[in-house]
C-alpha atoms as a PDB file:
ATOM      1  CA  MET A   1     108.572 -51.591 117.414  1.00  0.00           C
ATOM      2  CA  ASP A   2     109.201 -47.901 116.758  1.00  0.00           C
ATOM      3  CA  TYR A   3     106.944 -45.137 118.085  1.00  0.00           C
ATOM      4  CA  LYS A   4     106.403 -41.472 117.239  1.00  0.00           C
ATOM      5  CA  SER A   5     104.880 -38.799 119.440  1.00  0.00           C
ATOM      6  CA  LEU A   6     102.052 -36.471 118.561  1.00  0.00           C
ATOM      7  CA  GLY A   7     100.997 -34.008 121.273  1.00  0.00           C
ATOM      8  CA  ASP A   8      99.776 -36.024 124.291  1.00  0.00           C
ATOM      9  CA  TYR A   9      99.911 -39.299 122.361  1.00  0.00           C
ATOM     10  CA  TYR A  10     102.408 -41.705 120.888  1.00  0.00           C
ATOM     11  CA  TYR A  11     101.804 -44.257 118.143  1.00  0.00           C
ATOM     12  CA  SER A  12     103.419 -47.192 116.357  1.00  0.00           C
ATOM     13  CA  THR A  13     105.057 -46.488 113.021  1.00  0.00           C
ATOM     14  CA  GLU A  14     103.419 -49.649 111.603  1.00  0.00           C
ATOM     15  CA  PRO A  15      99.900 -48.985 110.255  1.00  0.00           C
ATOM     16  CA  ILE A  16      97.035 -51.236 111.404  1.00  0.00           C
ATOM     17  CA  GLY A  17      94.666 -50.131 108.652  1.00  0.00           C
ATOM     18  CA  HIS A  18      94.119 -47.765 105.753  1.00  0.00           C
ATOM     19  CA  GLY A  19      91.499 -45.902 103.791  1.00  0.00           C
ATOM     20  CA  SER A  20      91.464 -44.069 100.484  1.00  0.00           C
ATOM     21  CA  PHE A  21      93.109 -40.972 101.963  1.00  0.00           C
ATOM     22  CA  SER A  22      94.698 -42.115 105.231  1.00  0.00           C
ATOM     23  CA  LEU A  23      96.624 -44.645 107.298  1.00  0.00           C
ATOM     24  CA  ILE A  24      95.553 -45.727 110.786  1.00  0.00           C
ATOM     25  CA  PHE A  25      98.064 -46.417 113.558  1.00  0.00           C
ATOM     26  CA  LYS A  26      97.658 -47.934 117.015  1.00  0.00           C
ATOM     27  CA  GLY A  27      98.633 -45.465 119.706  1.00  0.00           C
ATOM     28  CA  TYR A  28      98.372 -44.589 123.387  1.00  0.00           C
ATOM     29  CA  ARG A  29      97.637 -41.496 125.468  1.00  0.00           C
ATOM     30  CA  ILE A  30     100.880 -40.730 127.326  1.00  0.00           C
ATOM     31  CA  LYS A  31      99.405 -39.930 130.776  1.00  0.00           C
ATOM     32  CA  ASP A  32      97.427 -43.170 131.250  1.00  0.00           C
ATOM     33  CA  ARG A  33      98.334 -45.412 128.296  1.00  0.00           C
ATOM     34  CA  LYS A  34      94.722 -45.413 127.108  1.00  0.00           C
ATOM     35  CA  PRO A  35      94.658 -47.044 123.660  1.00  0.00           C
ATOM     36  CA  VAL A  36      93.780 -44.808 120.711  1.00  0.00           C
ATOM     37  CA  ALA A  37      93.828 -44.926 116.936  1.00  0.00           C
ATOM     38  CA  VAL A  38      95.779 -42.220 115.120  1.00  0.00           C
ATOM     39  CA  LYS A  39      94.653 -41.279 111.634  1.00  0.00           C
ATOM     40  CA  LYS A  40      97.246 -39.803 109.286  1.00  0.00           C
ATOM     41  CA  PHE A  41      96.092 -38.353 105.973  1.00  0.00           C
ATOM     42  CA  THR A  42      98.268 -39.478 103.064  1.00  0.00           C
ATOM     43  CA  LYS A  43      96.646 -37.435 100.310  1.00  0.00           C
ATOM     44  CA  TYR A  44      95.394 -33.871 100.202  1.00  0.00           C
ATOM     45  CA  ILE A  45      91.640 -33.574 100.614  1.00  0.00           C
ATOM     46  CA  ASP A  46      89.530 -30.461 100.962  1.00  0.00           C
ATOM     47  CA  LYS A  47      89.291 -29.162 104.548  1.00  0.00           C
ATOM     48  CA  LYS A  48      85.497 -29.205 104.419  1.00  0.00           C
ATOM     49  CA  TYR A  49      85.587 -33.023 104.122  1.00  0.00           C
ATOM     50  CA  VAL A  50      87.936 -33.331 107.097  1.00  0.00           C
ATOM     51  CA  ASP A  51      85.729 -31.001 109.149  1.00  0.00           C
ATOM     52  CA  SER A  52      82.669 -32.997 108.161  1.00  0.00           C
ATOM     53  CA  GLU A  53      84.251 -36.273 109.289  1.00  0.00           C
ATOM     54  CA  ILE A  54      85.410 -34.717 112.566  1.00  0.00           C
ATOM     55  CA  ASN A  55      81.943 -33.379 113.355  1.00  0.00           C
ATOM     56  CA  LEU A  56      80.312 -36.686 112.468  1.00  0.00           C
ATOM     57  CA  MET A  57      82.718 -38.767 114.601  1.00  0.00           C
ATOM     58  CA  LYS A  58      82.327 -36.409 117.583  1.00  0.00           C
ATOM     59  CA  ASP A  59      78.560 -37.013 117.544  1.00  0.00           C
ATOM     60  CA  LEU A  60      78.740 -40.815 117.184  1.00  0.00           C
ATOM     61  CA  ASP A  61      78.362 -42.872 120.372  1.00  0.00           C
ATOM     62  CA  ASN A  62      78.425 -46.582 119.644  1.00  0.00           C
ATOM     63  CA  ASN A  63      80.492 -49.471 121.079  1.00  0.00           C
ATOM     64  CA  ASN A  64      81.402 -50.625 117.556  1.00  0.00           C
ATOM     65  CA  ILE A  65      82.706 -47.233 116.370  1.00  0.00           C
ATOM     66  CA  LEU A  66      85.835 -45.514 117.639  1.00  0.00           C
ATOM     67  CA  LYS A  67      85.220 -42.354 119.688  1.00  0.00           C
ATOM     68  CA  LEU A  68      86.915 -39.180 118.543  1.00  0.00           C
ATOM     69  CA  TYR A  69      88.742 -37.263 121.271  1.00  0.00           C
END
């Protein structure tokens, strides 16, 4: 399996999911191998929508929803 790096993280090149505007990859934080999901946008969307999603995900705290770091 191939991996790419992104800052303090690395992630698989095979997507584990997708949305209308993005692909999701399984990744890990380099320093402690904590599992993470990496979202890569595949289509251009307005920055205000990205900012809105970021702010929403930062505020969410639920075991069934991924935490944004």
